[in-house]
N, C-alpha and C. Protein backbone atom coordinates (compact mmCIF):
# COMPACT_ATOMS: atom_id res chain seq x y z
N MET A 1 22.47 8.21 15.65
CA MET A 1 21.78 9.54 15.53
C MET A 1 21.49 9.85 14.14
N GLY A 2 22.26 9.37 13.21
CA GLY A 2 21.84 9.44 11.76
C GLY A 2 20.65 8.83 11.30
N GLN A 3 20.36 7.55 12.00
CA GLN A 3 19.05 6.76 11.77
C GLN A 3 17.95 7.53 12.22
N ILE A 4 18.06 8.23 13.33
CA ILE A 4 16.87 9.12 13.73
C ILE A 4 16.54 10.20 12.73
N TYR A 5 17.45 10.82 12.06
CA TYR A 5 17.23 11.82 11.25
C TYR A 5 16.63 11.29 9.90
N VAL A 6 17.12 10.06 9.56
CA VAL A 6 16.57 9.35 8.37
C VAL A 6 15.14 9.01 8.65
N LYS A 7 14.86 8.47 9.76
CA LYS A 7 13.36 8.18 9.95
C LYS A 7 12.53 9.39 10.13
N LEU A 8 13.00 10.34 10.75
CA LEU A 8 12.24 11.64 10.70
C LEU A 8 12.02 12.36 9.42
N TRP A 9 13.14 12.19 8.60
CA TRP A 9 12.79 12.72 7.17
C TRP A 9 11.95 11.88 6.47
N ARG A 10 11.88 10.52 6.59
CA ARG A 10 10.90 9.71 5.89
C ARG A 10 9.47 10.06 6.35
N VAL A 11 9.36 10.21 7.65
CA VAL A 11 7.94 10.49 8.20
C VAL A 11 7.54 11.73 7.57
N PHE A 12 8.40 12.77 7.59
CA PHE A 12 8.05 14.09 7.11
C PHE A 12 7.66 13.95 5.49
N LEU A 13 8.50 13.35 4.85
CA LEU A 13 8.24 13.14 3.44
C LEU A 13 6.77 12.43 3.11
N VAL A 14 6.62 11.37 3.96
CA VAL A 14 5.27 10.69 3.79
C VAL A 14 4.13 11.70 4.18
N THR A 15 4.26 12.37 5.31
CA THR A 15 3.18 13.36 5.62
C THR A 15 2.96 14.44 4.59
N VAL A 16 3.95 15.04 4.02
CA VAL A 16 3.87 15.95 3.00
C VAL A 16 3.24 15.34 1.81
N PHE A 17 3.69 14.10 1.47
CA PHE A 17 3.14 13.45 0.15
C PHE A 17 1.68 13.17 0.33
N LEU A 18 1.19 12.70 1.52
CA LEU A 18 -0.11 12.34 1.85
C LEU A 18 -1.01 13.84 1.81
N PHE A 19 -0.49 14.80 2.42
CA PHE A 19 -1.08 16.19 2.49
C PHE A 19 -1.39 16.70 0.87
N VAL A 20 -0.34 16.61 0.30
CA VAL A 20 -0.42 16.96 -1.20
C VAL A 20 -1.28 16.20 -2.04
N THR A 21 -1.23 14.86 -2.00
CA THR A 21 -2.05 13.94 -2.85
C THR A 21 -3.39 13.87 -2.31
N VAL A 22 -3.71 13.75 -0.99
CA VAL A 22 -5.06 13.64 -0.42
C VAL A 22 -5.69 15.00 -0.32
N GLY A 23 -5.01 15.83 0.15
CA GLY A 23 -5.67 17.16 0.33
C GLY A 23 -6.83 17.07 1.45
N CYS A 24 -7.83 17.92 1.21
CA CYS A 24 -9.03 17.86 2.13
C CYS A 24 -9.97 16.74 1.64
N ALA A 25 -10.08 16.42 0.31
CA ALA A 25 -11.08 15.59 -0.20
C ALA A 25 -10.55 14.13 0.06
N VAL A 26 -11.61 13.23 0.10
CA VAL A 26 -11.28 11.71 0.30
C VAL A 26 -11.17 11.18 -1.20
N LYS A 27 -9.93 10.71 -1.46
CA LYS A 27 -9.64 10.09 -2.75
C LYS A 27 -9.36 8.67 -2.56
N ASP A 28 -9.55 7.92 -3.59
CA ASP A 28 -9.25 6.47 -3.65
C ASP A 28 -7.86 6.30 -4.04
N LEU A 29 -6.85 6.18 -3.17
CA LEU A 29 -5.33 5.98 -3.62
C LEU A 29 -4.85 4.47 -3.68
N SER A 30 -5.81 3.62 -3.51
CA SER A 30 -5.48 2.20 -3.52
C SER A 30 -4.98 1.71 -4.86
N HIS A 31 -5.01 2.38 -5.89
CA HIS A 31 -4.46 1.93 -7.18
C HIS A 31 -3.16 2.59 -7.43
N ASN A 32 -2.74 3.46 -6.58
CA ASN A 32 -1.57 4.15 -6.67
C ASN A 32 -0.42 3.51 -5.88
N PRO A 33 0.61 2.88 -6.60
CA PRO A 33 1.61 2.18 -5.78
C PRO A 33 2.58 3.01 -4.81
N GLU A 34 2.77 4.21 -5.25
CA GLU A 34 3.46 5.09 -4.50
C GLU A 34 2.84 5.53 -3.15
N ALA A 35 1.47 5.75 -3.25
CA ALA A 35 0.67 6.22 -2.23
C ALA A 35 0.39 4.96 -1.25
N VAL A 36 0.27 3.88 -1.91
CA VAL A 36 -0.05 2.63 -0.90
C VAL A 36 1.34 2.32 -0.14
N ASP A 37 2.53 2.49 -0.86
CA ASP A 37 3.65 2.46 -0.15
C ASP A 37 3.80 3.44 1.06
N SER A 38 3.51 4.57 0.87
CA SER A 38 3.62 5.62 1.91
C SER A 38 2.52 5.40 3.00
N ILE A 39 1.27 4.79 2.74
CA ILE A 39 0.31 4.55 3.72
C ILE A 39 0.81 3.28 4.51
N THR A 40 1.46 2.28 3.79
CA THR A 40 1.91 1.05 4.32
C THR A 40 2.93 1.53 5.40
N THR A 41 3.96 2.36 4.95
CA THR A 41 5.02 2.71 5.81
C THR A 41 4.46 3.31 7.00
N GLN A 42 3.55 4.36 6.81
CA GLN A 42 2.93 5.05 8.07
C GLN A 42 2.17 4.00 8.98
N TYR A 43 1.45 3.08 8.36
CA TYR A 43 0.73 2.11 9.14
C TYR A 43 1.55 1.25 9.87
N ILE A 44 2.77 0.87 9.42
CA ILE A 44 3.75 0.09 10.16
C ILE A 44 4.22 0.73 11.41
N TYR A 45 4.54 2.00 11.23
CA TYR A 45 5.14 2.85 12.17
C TYR A 45 4.16 3.27 13.29
N THR A 46 2.75 3.36 13.01
CA THR A 46 1.77 3.96 13.79
C THR A 46 0.85 2.99 14.39
N GLU A 47 0.18 2.20 13.50
CA GLU A 47 -0.96 1.41 13.96
C GLU A 47 -0.77 -0.20 13.97
N LEU A 48 0.30 -0.55 13.40
CA LEU A 48 0.52 -2.15 13.44
C LEU A 48 0.61 -2.61 14.80
N SER A 49 1.20 -2.04 15.63
CA SER A 49 1.40 -2.58 17.05
C SER A 49 0.17 -2.66 17.82
N ALA A 50 -0.80 -1.84 17.43
CA ALA A 50 -2.15 -1.83 18.07
C ALA A 50 -3.12 -2.85 17.38
N ASP A 51 -2.96 -2.99 16.09
CA ASP A 51 -3.92 -3.98 15.33
C ASP A 51 -3.44 -5.23 15.45
N TYR A 52 -2.20 -5.57 15.74
CA TYR A 52 -1.65 -7.08 15.66
C TYR A 52 -2.36 -7.81 16.79
N PRO A 53 -2.43 -7.35 17.99
CA PRO A 53 -3.09 -8.17 19.03
C PRO A 53 -4.51 -8.27 18.94
N ARG A 54 -5.17 -7.33 18.20
CA ARG A 54 -6.61 -7.37 17.88
C ARG A 54 -6.98 -8.41 16.86
N PHE A 55 -6.04 -8.67 16.06
CA PHE A 55 -6.29 -9.62 15.04
C PHE A 55 -5.80 -11.12 15.25
N ASP A 56 -4.85 -11.17 16.27
CA ASP A 56 -4.32 -12.45 16.55
C ASP A 56 -4.46 -12.57 18.16
N THR A 57 -5.42 -13.51 18.39
CA THR A 57 -5.84 -13.80 19.92
C THR A 57 -4.65 -14.54 20.69
N THR A 58 -3.72 -14.92 19.95
CA THR A 58 -2.58 -15.62 20.85
C THR A 58 -1.52 -14.57 21.12
N VAL A 59 -1.71 -13.43 20.79
CA VAL A 59 -0.77 -12.37 21.12
C VAL A 59 -1.19 -11.51 22.37
N VAL A 60 -0.37 -11.42 23.42
CA VAL A 60 -0.65 -10.66 24.49
C VAL A 60 -0.32 -9.14 24.31
N CYS A 61 0.82 -9.01 23.59
CA CYS A 61 1.10 -7.50 23.36
C CYS A 61 2.37 -7.52 22.30
N VAL A 62 2.43 -6.50 21.76
CA VAL A 62 3.66 -6.34 20.71
C VAL A 62 4.67 -5.47 21.42
N ASP A 63 5.88 -6.11 21.47
CA ASP A 63 6.92 -5.45 22.23
C ASP A 63 7.65 -4.51 21.35
N ARG A 64 7.77 -4.74 20.02
CA ARG A 64 8.50 -3.75 19.24
C ARG A 64 8.20 -4.06 17.85
N VAL A 65 8.09 -2.94 16.96
CA VAL A 65 7.93 -3.00 15.51
C VAL A 65 8.99 -2.27 14.97
N LYS A 66 9.63 -2.88 14.03
CA LYS A 66 10.76 -2.14 13.25
C LYS A 66 10.40 -2.31 11.80
N MET A 67 10.57 -1.36 11.04
CA MET A 67 10.41 -1.54 9.52
C MET A 67 11.81 -1.63 8.85
N THR A 68 11.71 -2.49 7.79
CA THR A 68 12.89 -2.46 6.88
C THR A 68 12.35 -2.59 5.56
N ARG A 69 13.31 -2.75 4.57
CA ARG A 69 12.72 -2.94 3.23
C ARG A 69 13.72 -4.24 2.66
N GLN A 70 13.03 -5.02 1.87
CA GLN A 70 13.55 -6.13 1.10
C GLN A 70 13.16 -6.07 -0.28
N ASP A 71 14.07 -5.75 -1.22
CA ASP A 71 13.75 -5.66 -2.64
C ASP A 71 12.67 -4.60 -2.80
N ASN A 72 12.90 -3.42 -2.15
CA ASN A 72 12.13 -2.21 -1.95
C ASN A 72 10.55 -2.62 -1.60
N ILE A 73 10.34 -3.64 -0.84
CA ILE A 73 9.26 -3.91 -0.36
C ILE A 73 9.24 -3.76 1.21
N PRO A 74 8.14 -3.05 1.68
CA PRO A 74 8.30 -2.83 3.21
C PRO A 74 8.05 -4.07 4.00
N VAL A 75 8.91 -4.32 4.95
CA VAL A 75 8.73 -5.41 5.88
C VAL A 75 8.81 -5.02 7.24
N ALA A 76 7.90 -5.57 7.98
CA ALA A 76 7.71 -5.10 9.49
C ALA A 76 8.40 -6.40 10.16
N LEU A 77 9.17 -6.02 11.07
CA LEU A 77 9.81 -7.01 11.97
C LEU A 77 9.08 -6.84 13.31
N VAL A 78 8.27 -7.66 13.70
CA VAL A 78 7.43 -7.43 14.85
C VAL A 78 7.61 -8.47 15.97
N ASP A 79 8.16 -7.98 17.10
CA ASP A 79 8.49 -8.73 18.32
C ASP A 79 7.14 -8.89 19.16
N ILE A 80 6.70 -9.97 19.32
CA ILE A 80 5.48 -10.20 19.99
C ILE A 80 5.56 -11.08 21.13
N ILE A 81 4.81 -10.96 22.05
CA ILE A 81 4.69 -11.84 23.39
C ILE A 81 3.47 -12.60 23.11
N ARG A 82 3.53 -13.84 23.14
CA ARG A 82 2.37 -14.73 23.04
C ARG A 82 1.56 -15.09 24.39
N THR A 83 0.61 -15.51 24.46
CA THR A 83 -0.20 -15.87 25.64
C THR A 83 0.59 -16.85 26.49
N ASP A 84 1.34 -17.76 25.93
CA ASP A 84 2.24 -18.75 26.60
C ASP A 84 3.56 -18.01 27.03
N SER A 85 3.69 -16.91 27.06
CA SER A 85 4.91 -16.07 27.50
C SER A 85 6.04 -16.29 26.58
N THR A 86 5.95 -16.82 25.57
CA THR A 86 7.07 -16.81 24.50
C THR A 86 7.20 -15.60 23.70
N THR A 87 8.40 -15.22 23.47
CA THR A 87 8.64 -14.01 22.61
C THR A 87 9.17 -14.52 21.21
N VAL A 88 8.34 -13.98 20.18
CA VAL A 88 8.69 -14.42 18.78
C VAL A 88 8.84 -13.19 17.99
N ARG A 89 9.69 -13.19 16.99
CA ARG A 89 9.78 -12.24 15.99
C ARG A 89 9.05 -12.58 14.66
N GLU A 90 8.20 -11.89 14.25
CA GLU A 90 7.33 -12.12 12.95
C GLU A 90 7.92 -11.22 11.86
N PHE A 91 7.96 -11.62 10.66
CA PHE A 91 8.30 -10.94 9.57
C PHE A 91 7.03 -10.76 8.74
N ILE A 92 6.51 -9.62 8.52
CA ILE A 92 5.42 -9.48 7.58
C ILE A 92 5.79 -8.52 6.42
N HIS A 93 5.54 -9.09 5.24
CA HIS A 93 6.03 -8.47 3.97
C HIS A 93 4.65 -7.76 3.38
N PHE A 94 4.83 -6.45 3.10
CA PHE A 94 3.72 -5.69 2.68
C PHE A 94 3.87 -5.38 1.07
N ASP A 95 3.89 -6.38 0.31
CA ASP A 95 4.28 -6.21 -1.11
C ASP A 95 2.86 -5.55 -1.76
N TYR A 96 3.18 -4.59 -2.74
CA TYR A 96 1.97 -4.04 -3.29
C TYR A 96 1.11 -4.98 -4.19
N GLU A 97 1.72 -5.98 -4.79
CA GLU A 97 0.85 -7.00 -5.42
C GLU A 97 -0.09 -7.70 -4.65
N THR A 98 0.27 -8.11 -3.55
CA THR A 98 -0.66 -8.75 -2.70
C THR A 98 -1.65 -7.84 -2.09
N ILE A 99 -1.27 -6.64 -1.65
CA ILE A 99 -2.20 -5.69 -1.24
C ILE A 99 -3.23 -5.26 -2.28
N SER A 100 -2.81 -5.34 -3.61
CA SER A 100 -3.57 -5.05 -4.75
C SER A 100 -4.59 -6.26 -5.03
N ARG A 101 -4.26 -7.40 -4.73
CA ARG A 101 -5.05 -8.52 -4.99
C ARG A 101 -6.18 -8.48 -3.76
N VAL A 102 -5.71 -8.07 -2.65
CA VAL A 102 -6.73 -7.97 -1.61
C VAL A 102 -7.80 -6.91 -1.95
N ARG A 103 -7.33 -5.84 -2.48
CA ARG A 103 -8.11 -4.64 -2.85
C ARG A 103 -9.20 -5.13 -4.00
N ASP A 104 -8.66 -5.93 -4.92
CA ASP A 104 -9.51 -6.39 -6.03
C ASP A 104 -10.54 -7.38 -5.50
N VAL A 105 -10.34 -8.08 -4.46
CA VAL A 105 -11.37 -9.00 -3.81
C VAL A 105 -12.25 -8.12 -3.24
N MET A 106 -11.74 -7.27 -2.46
CA MET A 106 -12.66 -6.27 -1.74
C MET A 106 -13.56 -5.52 -2.65
N GLU A 107 -13.06 -5.09 -3.70
CA GLU A 107 -13.89 -4.30 -4.71
C GLU A 107 -14.86 -5.22 -5.48
N SER A 108 -14.61 -6.44 -5.71
CA SER A 108 -15.41 -7.32 -6.43
C SER A 108 -16.64 -7.67 -5.52
N GLU A 109 -16.53 -7.68 -4.33
CA GLU A 109 -17.58 -8.18 -3.44
C GLU A 109 -17.55 -7.35 -2.20
N GLU A 110 -18.50 -6.35 -2.05
CA GLU A 110 -18.40 -5.53 -0.97
C GLU A 110 -18.47 -6.00 0.58
N SER A 111 -19.15 -7.14 0.73
CA SER A 111 -19.27 -7.71 2.02
C SER A 111 -18.35 -8.87 2.25
N VAL A 112 -17.28 -8.96 1.57
CA VAL A 112 -16.43 -10.16 1.66
C VAL A 112 -15.75 -10.03 3.14
N SER A 113 -15.64 -11.29 3.72
CA SER A 113 -15.00 -11.45 4.99
C SER A 113 -13.48 -11.60 4.91
N THR A 114 -12.82 -11.44 5.94
CA THR A 114 -11.46 -11.56 5.95
C THR A 114 -11.13 -13.06 5.65
N ALA A 115 -11.88 -14.06 6.12
CA ALA A 115 -11.63 -15.40 5.94
C ALA A 115 -11.79 -15.81 4.50
N GLN A 116 -12.69 -15.10 3.75
CA GLN A 116 -12.89 -15.37 2.44
C GLN A 116 -11.74 -14.80 1.63
N ILE A 117 -11.30 -13.72 1.96
CA ILE A 117 -10.07 -13.10 1.25
C ILE A 117 -8.94 -13.94 1.38
N ALA A 118 -8.70 -14.46 2.72
CA ALA A 118 -7.47 -15.19 2.90
C ALA A 118 -7.58 -16.52 2.09
N ASN A 119 -8.77 -17.16 2.08
CA ASN A 119 -8.93 -18.39 1.43
C ASN A 119 -8.79 -18.17 -0.14
N SER A 120 -9.37 -17.18 -0.67
CA SER A 120 -9.22 -16.98 -2.17
C SER A 120 -7.90 -16.63 -2.60
N LEU A 121 -7.06 -16.01 -1.65
CA LEU A 121 -5.71 -15.71 -2.14
C LEU A 121 -4.60 -16.43 -1.52
N SER A 122 -4.96 -17.54 -0.75
CA SER A 122 -4.09 -18.42 -0.10
C SER A 122 -3.05 -17.67 0.85
N ILE A 123 -3.52 -16.74 1.56
CA ILE A 123 -2.66 -16.09 2.58
C ILE A 123 -3.41 -16.33 3.98
N SER A 124 -2.63 -15.94 5.04
CA SER A 124 -3.17 -16.14 6.47
C SER A 124 -4.21 -15.03 6.57
N GLU A 125 -5.12 -15.44 7.64
CA GLU A 125 -6.14 -14.49 7.98
C GLU A 125 -5.50 -13.19 8.58
N LEU A 126 -4.51 -13.32 9.40
CA LEU A 126 -3.78 -12.20 9.83
C LEU A 126 -3.33 -11.38 8.74
N ASN A 127 -2.68 -11.77 7.81
CA ASN A 127 -2.05 -10.99 6.76
C ASN A 127 -3.20 -10.39 6.05
N ALA A 128 -4.32 -11.07 5.73
CA ALA A 128 -5.46 -10.56 4.99
C ALA A 128 -6.03 -9.42 5.69
N GLN A 129 -6.04 -9.51 7.00
CA GLN A 129 -6.76 -8.34 7.92
C GLN A 129 -5.85 -7.24 7.84
N LEU A 130 -4.43 -7.38 8.00
CA LEU A 130 -3.51 -6.29 7.96
C LEU A 130 -3.49 -5.73 6.51
N TYR A 131 -3.53 -6.44 5.59
CA TYR A 131 -3.52 -5.90 4.12
C TYR A 131 -4.91 -4.98 4.04
N ARG A 132 -5.95 -5.55 4.49
CA ARG A 132 -7.26 -5.01 4.46
C ARG A 132 -7.37 -3.61 5.04
N GLN A 133 -6.49 -3.48 6.34
CA GLN A 133 -6.47 -2.15 6.90
C GLN A 133 -5.76 -1.13 5.99
N ILE A 134 -4.82 -1.54 5.34
CA ILE A 134 -3.97 -0.62 4.42
C ILE A 134 -4.89 -0.21 3.30
N VAL A 135 -5.69 -1.20 2.69
CA VAL A 135 -6.62 -0.93 1.64
C VAL A 135 -7.69 0.16 2.14
N LEU A 136 -8.09 -0.18 3.26
CA LEU A 136 -9.23 0.86 3.80
C LEU A 136 -8.67 2.18 3.96
N ARG A 137 -7.52 2.21 4.44
CA ARG A 137 -6.93 3.69 4.51
C ARG A 137 -6.55 4.26 3.24
N ALA A 138 -6.14 3.47 2.19
CA ALA A 138 -5.84 3.99 0.84
C ALA A 138 -7.09 4.42 0.23
N LYS A 139 -8.32 3.85 0.57
CA LYS A 139 -9.54 4.21 0.07
C LYS A 139 -10.12 5.40 0.85
N GLY A 140 -9.53 5.87 1.96
CA GLY A 140 -10.00 6.90 2.71
C GLY A 140 -11.18 6.55 3.63
N ARG A 141 -11.41 5.20 3.86
CA ARG A 141 -12.53 4.81 4.83
C ARG A 141 -11.99 4.76 6.24
N ILE A 142 -10.66 4.60 6.46
CA ILE A 142 -10.10 4.81 7.74
C ILE A 142 -9.07 5.84 7.66
N ALA A 143 -9.16 6.84 8.67
CA ALA A 143 -8.28 8.08 8.58
C ALA A 143 -6.82 7.60 8.84
N VAL A 144 -5.97 8.01 8.02
CA VAL A 144 -4.50 7.63 8.07
C VAL A 144 -4.09 8.18 9.29
N GLY A 145 -3.45 7.28 10.13
CA GLY A 145 -2.87 7.49 11.40
C GLY A 145 -3.82 7.32 12.66
N HIS A 146 -4.93 6.68 12.40
CA HIS A 146 -5.90 6.53 13.45
C HIS A 146 -6.19 5.05 13.50
């Protein structure tokens, strides 16, 4: 029961933080580590389960997403069911440094593809796509929570 209160309190704080920092105007929060952390946390809880199968064609569905932190870095524990009926748990680290590097590549070249981002940063295309979603939310190009 205590875990539920902790999660509700976190969601409340993230929501209040985003309303206070974002307000009604669209601001670029992608250079603010605290804002990116809040957006990442909200993304893991709300959108990751829908985005994962869209970006990985070997995934039939996401069974469960749980967030934890490792060295204060948000980590998503994603239980997925693959097309061959196997169930796998994936660990996705959403560290600010990598998200910032993705942001820098996106800012340097407006029409850069996910494959180009992944190749230039030596990360998987799936991670590049997920990080890109967070950057777009932080820049206000995708509504947070949608």
